Amino acid sequence: MNTRTQHHARGIKALYVRILLILLPVLLSVFRHVSKRIRTEIGYFPDGFTFMLSVRGKDLACACQKTASGSFRRVKPSEIASDVEPGSGLASANPSAVTIDYVIDFRSLNYAFDCFSGGLTLTAAFAQRAFSTRGSNDYGVALTYMFSALLRMFFGWRAAWRKPAYSSN
């Protein structure tokens, strides 16, 4: 692949990931009505719980906050506390700033694209250390199950998301 083609492919991947990050709060809010698994995992998060997905080295990130109604809203970058590290569990000195309770940071655009396009399950991505996390393990487990259910709904037809065939051996 030549350099121009590689650059074009990175641009397409970045656009795809950006679109899914933009849609994320809406997808979670809608699919909680469709999937019992997603609804159950959302139930583990307190009202106001905020998580962030990001791609290291890229301007690709989305912060979502659970509302009192159980839906999610996008948190604007200007609302995020700048005096505490996201996922640290520390309170901001600014009471009106939103602190991030949990962060999933993909190590590269390729890993994020592979997960968001159904080419790689979160379990496989975790095994490959495709992302790092910060925050409480309880929240991390619930987020992993919630995202797995969401991605499986989208990409159940993809080989990475099919249930393994069991052999009779």
C-alpha atoms as a PDB file:
ATOM      1  CA  MET A   1       0.000   0.000   0.000  1.00  0.00           C
ATOM      2  CA  ASN A   2       1.453   3.376  -0.923  1.00  0.00           C
ATOM      3  CA  THR A   3       1.635   6.326   1.448  1.00  0.00           C
ATOM      4  CA  ARG A   4      -1.340   8.109  -0.100  1.00  0.00           C
ATOM      5  CA  THR A   5      -3.537   5.010   0.229  1.00  0.00           C
ATOM      6  CA  GLN A   6      -2.414   4.498   3.843  1.00  0.00           C
ATOM      7  CA  HIS A   7      -3.227   8.118   4.685  1.00  0.00           C
ATOM      8  CA  HIS A   8      -6.654   7.759   3.054  1.00  0.00           C
ATOM      9  CA  ALA A   9      -7.339   4.539   5.015  1.00  0.00           C
ATOM     10  CA  ARG A  10      -6.368   6.252   8.302  1.00  0.00           C
ATOM     11  CA  GLY A  11      -8.715   9.118   7.418  1.00  0.00           C
ATOM     12  CA  ILE A  12     -11.606   6.720   6.781  1.00  0.00           C
ATOM     13  CA  LYS A  13     -10.911   4.869  10.046  1.00  0.00           C
ATOM     14  CA  ALA A  14     -10.749   8.137  11.998  1.00  0.00           C
ATOM     15  CA  LEU A  15     -14.018   9.328  10.464  1.00  0.00           C
ATOM     16  CA  TYR A  16     -15.727   6.019  11.288  1.00  0.00           C
ATOM     17  CA  VAL A  17     -14.513   6.062  14.923  1.00  0.00           C
ATOM     18  CA  ARG A  18     -15.467   9.754  15.268  1.00  0.00           C
ATOM     19  CA  ILE A  19     -19.011   9.064  14.022  1.00  0.00           C
ATOM     20  CA  LEU A  20     -19.469   6.176  16.470  1.00  0.00           C
ATOM     21  CA  LEU A  21     -18.152   8.297  19.333  1.00  0.00           C
ATOM     22  CA  ILE A  22     -20.615  11.047  18.397  1.00  0.00           C
ATOM     23  CA  LEU A  23     -23.463   8.528  18.316  1.00  0.00           C
ATOM     24  CA  LEU A  24     -22.441   6.698  21.507  1.00  0.00           C
ATOM     25  CA  PRO A  25     -24.669   8.518  24.035  1.00  0.00           C
ATOM     26  CA  VAL A  26     -27.681   8.161  21.745  1.00  0.00           C
ATOM     27  CA  LEU A  27     -26.983   4.485  21.041  1.00  0.00           C
ATOM     28  CA  LEU A  28     -26.690   3.689  24.744  1.00  0.00           C
ATOM     29  CA  SER A  29     -29.855   5.630  25.533  1.00  0.00           C
ATOM     30  CA  VAL A  30     -31.840   3.862  22.796  1.00  0.00           C
ATOM     31  CA  PHE A  31     -30.453   0.347  23.130  1.00  0.00           C
ATOM     32  CA  ARG A  32     -31.082   0.220  26.871  1.00  0.00           C
ATOM     33  CA  HIS A  33     -34.731  -0.187  25.856  1.00  0.00           C
ATOM     34  CA  VAL A  34     -33.907  -3.076  23.507  1.00  0.00           C
ATOM     35  CA  SER A  35     -31.298  -5.057  25.432  1.00  0.00           C
ATOM     36  CA  LYS A  36     -31.819  -6.416  28.916  1.00  0.00           C
ATOM     37  CA  ARG A  37     -28.036  -6.885  29.255  1.00  0.00           C
ATOM     38  CA  ILE A  38     -27.325  -3.240  28.458  1.00  0.00           C
ATOM     39  CA  ARG A  39     -30.098  -2.105  30.825  1.00  0.00           C
ATOM     40  CA  THR A  40     -28.701  -4.311  33.606  1.00  0.00           C
ATOM     41  CA  GLU A  41     -25.156  -2.980  33.223  1.00  0.00           C
ATOM     42  CA  ILE A  42     -26.351   0.632  33.085  1.00  0.00           C
ATOM     43  CA  GLY A  43     -28.104  -0.056  36.384  1.00  0.00           C
ATOM     44  CA  TYR A  44     -24.696  -0.506  38.074  1.00  0.00           C
ATOM     45  CA  PHE A  45     -23.783   3.111  37.395  1.00  0.00           C
ATOM     46  CA  PRO A  46     -25.010   5.835  39.740  1.00  0.00           C
ATOM     47  CA  ASP A  47     -26.720   8.919  38.327  1.00  0.00           C
ATOM     48  CA  GLY A  48     -24.025  11.303  37.168  1.00  0.00           C
ATOM     49  CA  PHE A  49     -21.541   8.510  36.409  1.00  0.00           C
ATOM     50  CA  THR A  50     -19.272   9.714  33.625  1.00  0.00           C
ATOM     51  CA  PHE A  51     -16.977   7.692  31.416  1.00  0.00           C
ATOM     52  CA  MET A  52     -14.693   8.600  28.553  1.00  0.00           C
ATOM     53  CA  LEU A  53     -13.544   6.708  25.482  1.00  0.00           C
ATOM     54  CA  SER A  54     -10.448   8.079  23.779  1.00  0.00           C
ATOM     55  CA  VAL A  55      -7.860   7.148  21.183  1.00  0.00           C
ATOM     56  CA  ARG A  56      -4.302   7.894  22.245  1.00  0.00           C
ATOM     57  CA  GLY A  57      -2.519  10.411  20.073  1.00  0.00           C
ATOM     58  CA  LYS A  58      -5.667  11.411  18.186  1.00  0.00           C
ATOM     59  CA  ASP A  59      -8.294  14.067  18.674  1.00  0.00           C
ATOM     60  CA  LEU A  60     -10.891  11.327  19.182  1.00  0.00           C
ATOM     61  CA  ALA A  61     -12.696  11.213  22.506  1.00  0.00           C
ATOM     62  CA  CYS A  62     -16.188  11.107  23.923  1.00  0.00           C
ATOM     63  CA  ALA A  63     -17.355  11.621  27.488  1.00  0.00           C
ATOM     64  CA  CYS A  64     -20.812  10.333  28.412  1.00  0.00           C
ATOM     65  CA  GLN A  65     -22.733  10.976  31.623  1.00  0.00           C
ATOM     66  CA  LYS A  66     -25.637   8.944  32.972  1.00  0.00           C
ATOM     67  CA  THR A  67     -28.689  11.082  33.659  1.00  0.00           C
ATOM     68  CA  ALA A  68     -31.296  10.569  36.372  1.00  0.00           C
ATOM     69  CA  SER A  69     -33.614   9.007  33.762  1.00  0.00           C
ATOM     70  CA  GLY A  70     -31.009   6.328  32.932  1.00  0.00           C
ATOM     71  CA  SER A  71     -30.137   7.739  29.519  1.00  0.00           C
ATOM     72  CA  PHE A  72     -26.738   9.167  28.594  1.00  0.00           C
ATOM     73  CA  ARG A  73     -25.730  12.643  27.517  1.00  0.00           C
ATOM     74  CA  ARG A  74     -22.565  13.842  25.832  1.00  0.00           C
ATOM     75  CA  VAL A  75     -20.316  15.918  28.083  1.00  0.00           C
ATOM     76  CA  LYS A  76     -18.751  18.853  26.278  1.00  0.00           C
ATOM     77  CA  PRO A  77     -14.958  19.121  26.637  1.00  0.00           C
ATOM     78  CA  SER A  78     -15.412  22.555  28.245  1.00  0.00           C
ATOM     79  CA  GLU A  79     -17.470  20.941  31.048  1.00  0.00           C
ATOM     80  CA  ILE A  80     -14.777  18.412  32.021  1.00  0.00           C
ATOM     81  CA  ALA A  81     -12.708  19.138  35.124  1.00  0.00           C
ATOM     82  CA  SER A  82      -9.192  20.149  34.174  1.00  0.00           C
ATOM     83  CA  ASP A  83      -7.677  20.062  37.657  1.00  0.00           C
ATOM     84  CA  VAL A  84      -7.945  16.282  38.206  1.00  0.00           C
ATOM     85  CA  GLU A  85      -6.864  13.389  36.042  1.00  0.00           C
ATOM     86  CA  PRO A  86      -9.767  11.572  34.371  1.00  0.00           C
ATOM     87  CA  GLY A  87     -10.481   8.269  36.119  1.00  0.00           C
ATOM     88  CA  SER A  88      -8.544   9.242  39.260  1.00  0.00           C
ATOM     89  CA  GLY A  89     -11.609   9.259  41.510  1.00  0.00           C
ATOM     90  CA  LEU A  90     -10.660  12.679  42.843  1.00  0.00           C
ATOM     91  CA  ALA A  91     -13.117  15.544  43.128  1.00  0.00           C
ATOM     92  CA  SER A  92     -12.542  18.770  41.259  1.00  0.00           C
ATOM     93  CA  ALA A  93     -12.101  22.069  43.076  1.00  0.00           C
ATOM     94  CA  ASN A  94     -14.657  23.421  40.608  1.00  0.00           C
ATOM     95  CA  PRO A  95     -18.056  22.147  41.784  1.00  0.00           C
ATOM     96  CA  SER A  96     -19.659  22.764  38.395  1.00  0.00           C
ATOM     97  CA  ALA A  97     -17.019  20.781  36.479  1.00  0.00           C
ATOM     98  CA  VAL A  98     -17.721  17.179  35.467  1.00  0.00           C
ATOM     99  CA  THR A  99     -15.178  14.640  36.693  1.00  0.00           C
ATOM    100  CA  ILE A 100     -14.581  11.496  34.656  1.00  0.00           C
ATOM    101  CA  ASP A 101     -15.133   8.333  36.709  1.00  0.00           C
ATOM    102  CA  TYR A 102     -13.693   5.852  34.205  1.00  0.00           C
ATOM    103  CA  VAL A 103     -11.517   6.066  31.094  1.00  0.00           C
ATOM    104  CA  ILE A 104     -10.987   3.580  28.284  1.00  0.00           C
ATOM    105  CA  ASP A 105      -8.039   4.785  26.207  1.00  0.00           C
ATOM    106  CA  PHE A 106      -7.366   2.861  22.994  1.00  0.00           C
ATOM    107  CA  ARG A 107      -3.651   2.611  22.260  1.00  0.00           C
ATOM    108  CA  SER A 108      -4.110   3.287  18.535  1.00  0.00           C
ATOM    109  CA  LEU A 109      -6.651   4.221  15.909  1.00  0.00           C
ATOM    110  CA  ASN A 110      -6.323   0.732  14.413  1.00  0.00           C
ATOM    111  CA  TYR A 111      -7.344  -0.948  17.685  1.00  0.00           C
ATOM    112  CA  ALA A 112     -10.290   1.405  18.156  1.00  0.00           C
ATOM    113  CA  PHE A 113     -11.405   0.833  14.574  1.00  0.00           C
ATOM    114  CA  ASP A 114     -11.072  -2.948  14.916  1.00  0.00           C
ATOM    115  CA  CYS A 115     -13.280  -2.943  18.034  1.00  0.00           C
ATOM    116  CA  PHE A 116     -15.786  -0.418  16.683  1.00  0.00           C
ATOM    117  CA  SER A 117     -16.112  -2.216  13.360  1.00  0.00           C
ATOM    118  CA  GLY A 118     -16.665  -5.674  14.836  1.00  0.00           C
ATOM    119  CA  GLY A 119     -13.325  -7.078  13.752  1.00  0.00           C
ATOM    120  CA  LEU A 120     -12.080  -7.566  17.311  1.00  0.00           C
ATOM    121  CA  THR A 121     -14.011  -8.385  20.466  1.00  0.00           C
ATOM    122  CA  LEU A 122     -13.318  -6.421  23.637  1.00  0.00           C
ATOM    123  CA  THR A 123     -12.039  -9.614  25.272  1.00  0.00           C
ATOM    124  CA  ALA A 124      -9.532 -10.115  22.460  1.00  0.00           C
ATOM    125  CA  ALA A 125      -8.627  -6.415  22.514  1.00  0.00           C
ATOM    126  CA  PHE A 126      -8.040  -6.597  26.270  1.00  0.00           C
ATOM    127  CA  ALA A 127      -5.825  -9.672  25.825  1.00  0.00           C
ATOM    128  CA  GLN A 128      -3.825  -7.774  23.198  1.00  0.00           C
ATOM    129  CA  ARG A 129      -3.566  -4.742  25.507  1.00  0.00           C
ATOM    130  CA  ALA A 130      -5.318  -2.670  22.867  1.00  0.00           C
ATOM    131  CA  PHE A 131      -6.526  -0.198  25.477  1.00  0.00           C
ATOM    132  CA  SER A 132      -5.665   0.995  28.943  1.00  0.00           C
ATOM    133  CA  THR A 133      -8.164   1.898  31.639  1.00  0.00           C
ATOM    134  CA  ARG A 134      -8.337   4.174  34.661  1.00  0.00           C
ATOM    135  CA  GLY A 135     -10.984   4.004  37.329  1.00  0.00           C
ATOM    136  CA  SER A 136     -12.774   1.560  39.617  1.00  0.00           C
ATOM    137  CA  ASN A 137     -12.685  -2.094  38.532  1.00  0.00           C
ATOM    138  CA  ASP A 138     -16.404  -2.421  39.312  1.00  0.00           C
ATOM    139  CA  TYR A 139     -17.200   0.243  36.752  1.00  0.00           C
ATOM    140  CA  GLY A 140     -14.746  -1.276  34.298  1.00  0.00           C
ATOM    141  CA  VAL A 141     -16.450  -4.667  34.424  1.00  0.00           C
ATOM    142  CA  ALA A 142     -19.915  -3.138  33.943  1.00  0.00           C
ATOM    143  CA  LEU A 143     -18.672  -0.975  31.048  1.00  0.00           C
ATOM    144  CA  THR A 144     -17.020  -3.970  29.384  1.00  0.00           C
ATOM    145  CA  TYR A 145     -20.207  -6.039  29.598  1.00  0.00           C
ATOM    146  CA  MET A 146     -22.322  -3.100  28.428  1.00  0.00           C
ATOM    147  CA  PHE A 147     -20.076  -2.383  25.430  1.00  0.00           C
ATOM    148  CA  SER A 148     -19.817  -6.080  24.589  1.00  0.00           C
ATOM    149  CA  ALA A 149     -23.617  -6.290  24.456  1.00  0.00           C
ATOM    150  CA  LEU A 150     -23.834  -3.117  22.368  1.00  0.00           C
ATOM    151  CA  LEU A 151     -21.164  -4.259  19.916  1.00  0.00           C
ATOM    152  CA  ARG A 152     -22.635  -7.759  19.689  1.00  0.00           C
ATOM    153  CA  MET A 153     -25.990  -6.218  18.697  1.00  0.00           C
ATOM    154  CA  PHE A 154     -24.229  -4.347  15.907  1.00  0.00           C
ATOM    155  CA  PHE A 155     -21.729  -6.922  14.801  1.00  0.00           C
ATOM    156  CA  GLY A 156     -23.160 -10.336  15.726  1.00  0.00           C
ATOM    157  CA  TRP A 157     -22.771 -11.341  12.109  1.00  0.00           C
ATOM    158  CA  ARG A 158     -18.999 -10.720  12.175  1.00  0.00           C
ATOM    159  CA  ALA A 159     -16.745 -13.699  12.866  1.00  0.00           C
ATOM    160  CA  ALA A 160     -15.154 -11.991  15.881  1.00  0.00           C
ATOM    161  CA  TRP A 161     -18.554 -11.743  17.590  1.00  0.00           C
ATOM    162  CA  ARG A 162     -19.967 -15.171  16.802  1.00  0.00           C
ATOM    163  CA  LYS A 163     -20.198 -17.707  19.553  1.00  0.00           C
ATOM    164  CA  PRO A 164     -17.463 -20.313  19.185  1.00  0.00           C
ATOM    165  CA  ALA A 165     -18.502 -23.620  17.641  1.00  0.00           C
ATOM    166  CA  TYR A 166     -18.206 -26.433  20.121  1.00  0.00           C
ATOM    167  CA  SER A 167     -16.691 -29.666  19.006  1.00  0.00           C
ATOM    168  CA  SER A 168     -17.796 -33.045  20.249  1.00  0.00           C
ATOM    169  CA  ASN A 169     -14.191 -34.075  21.019  1.00  0.00           C
END
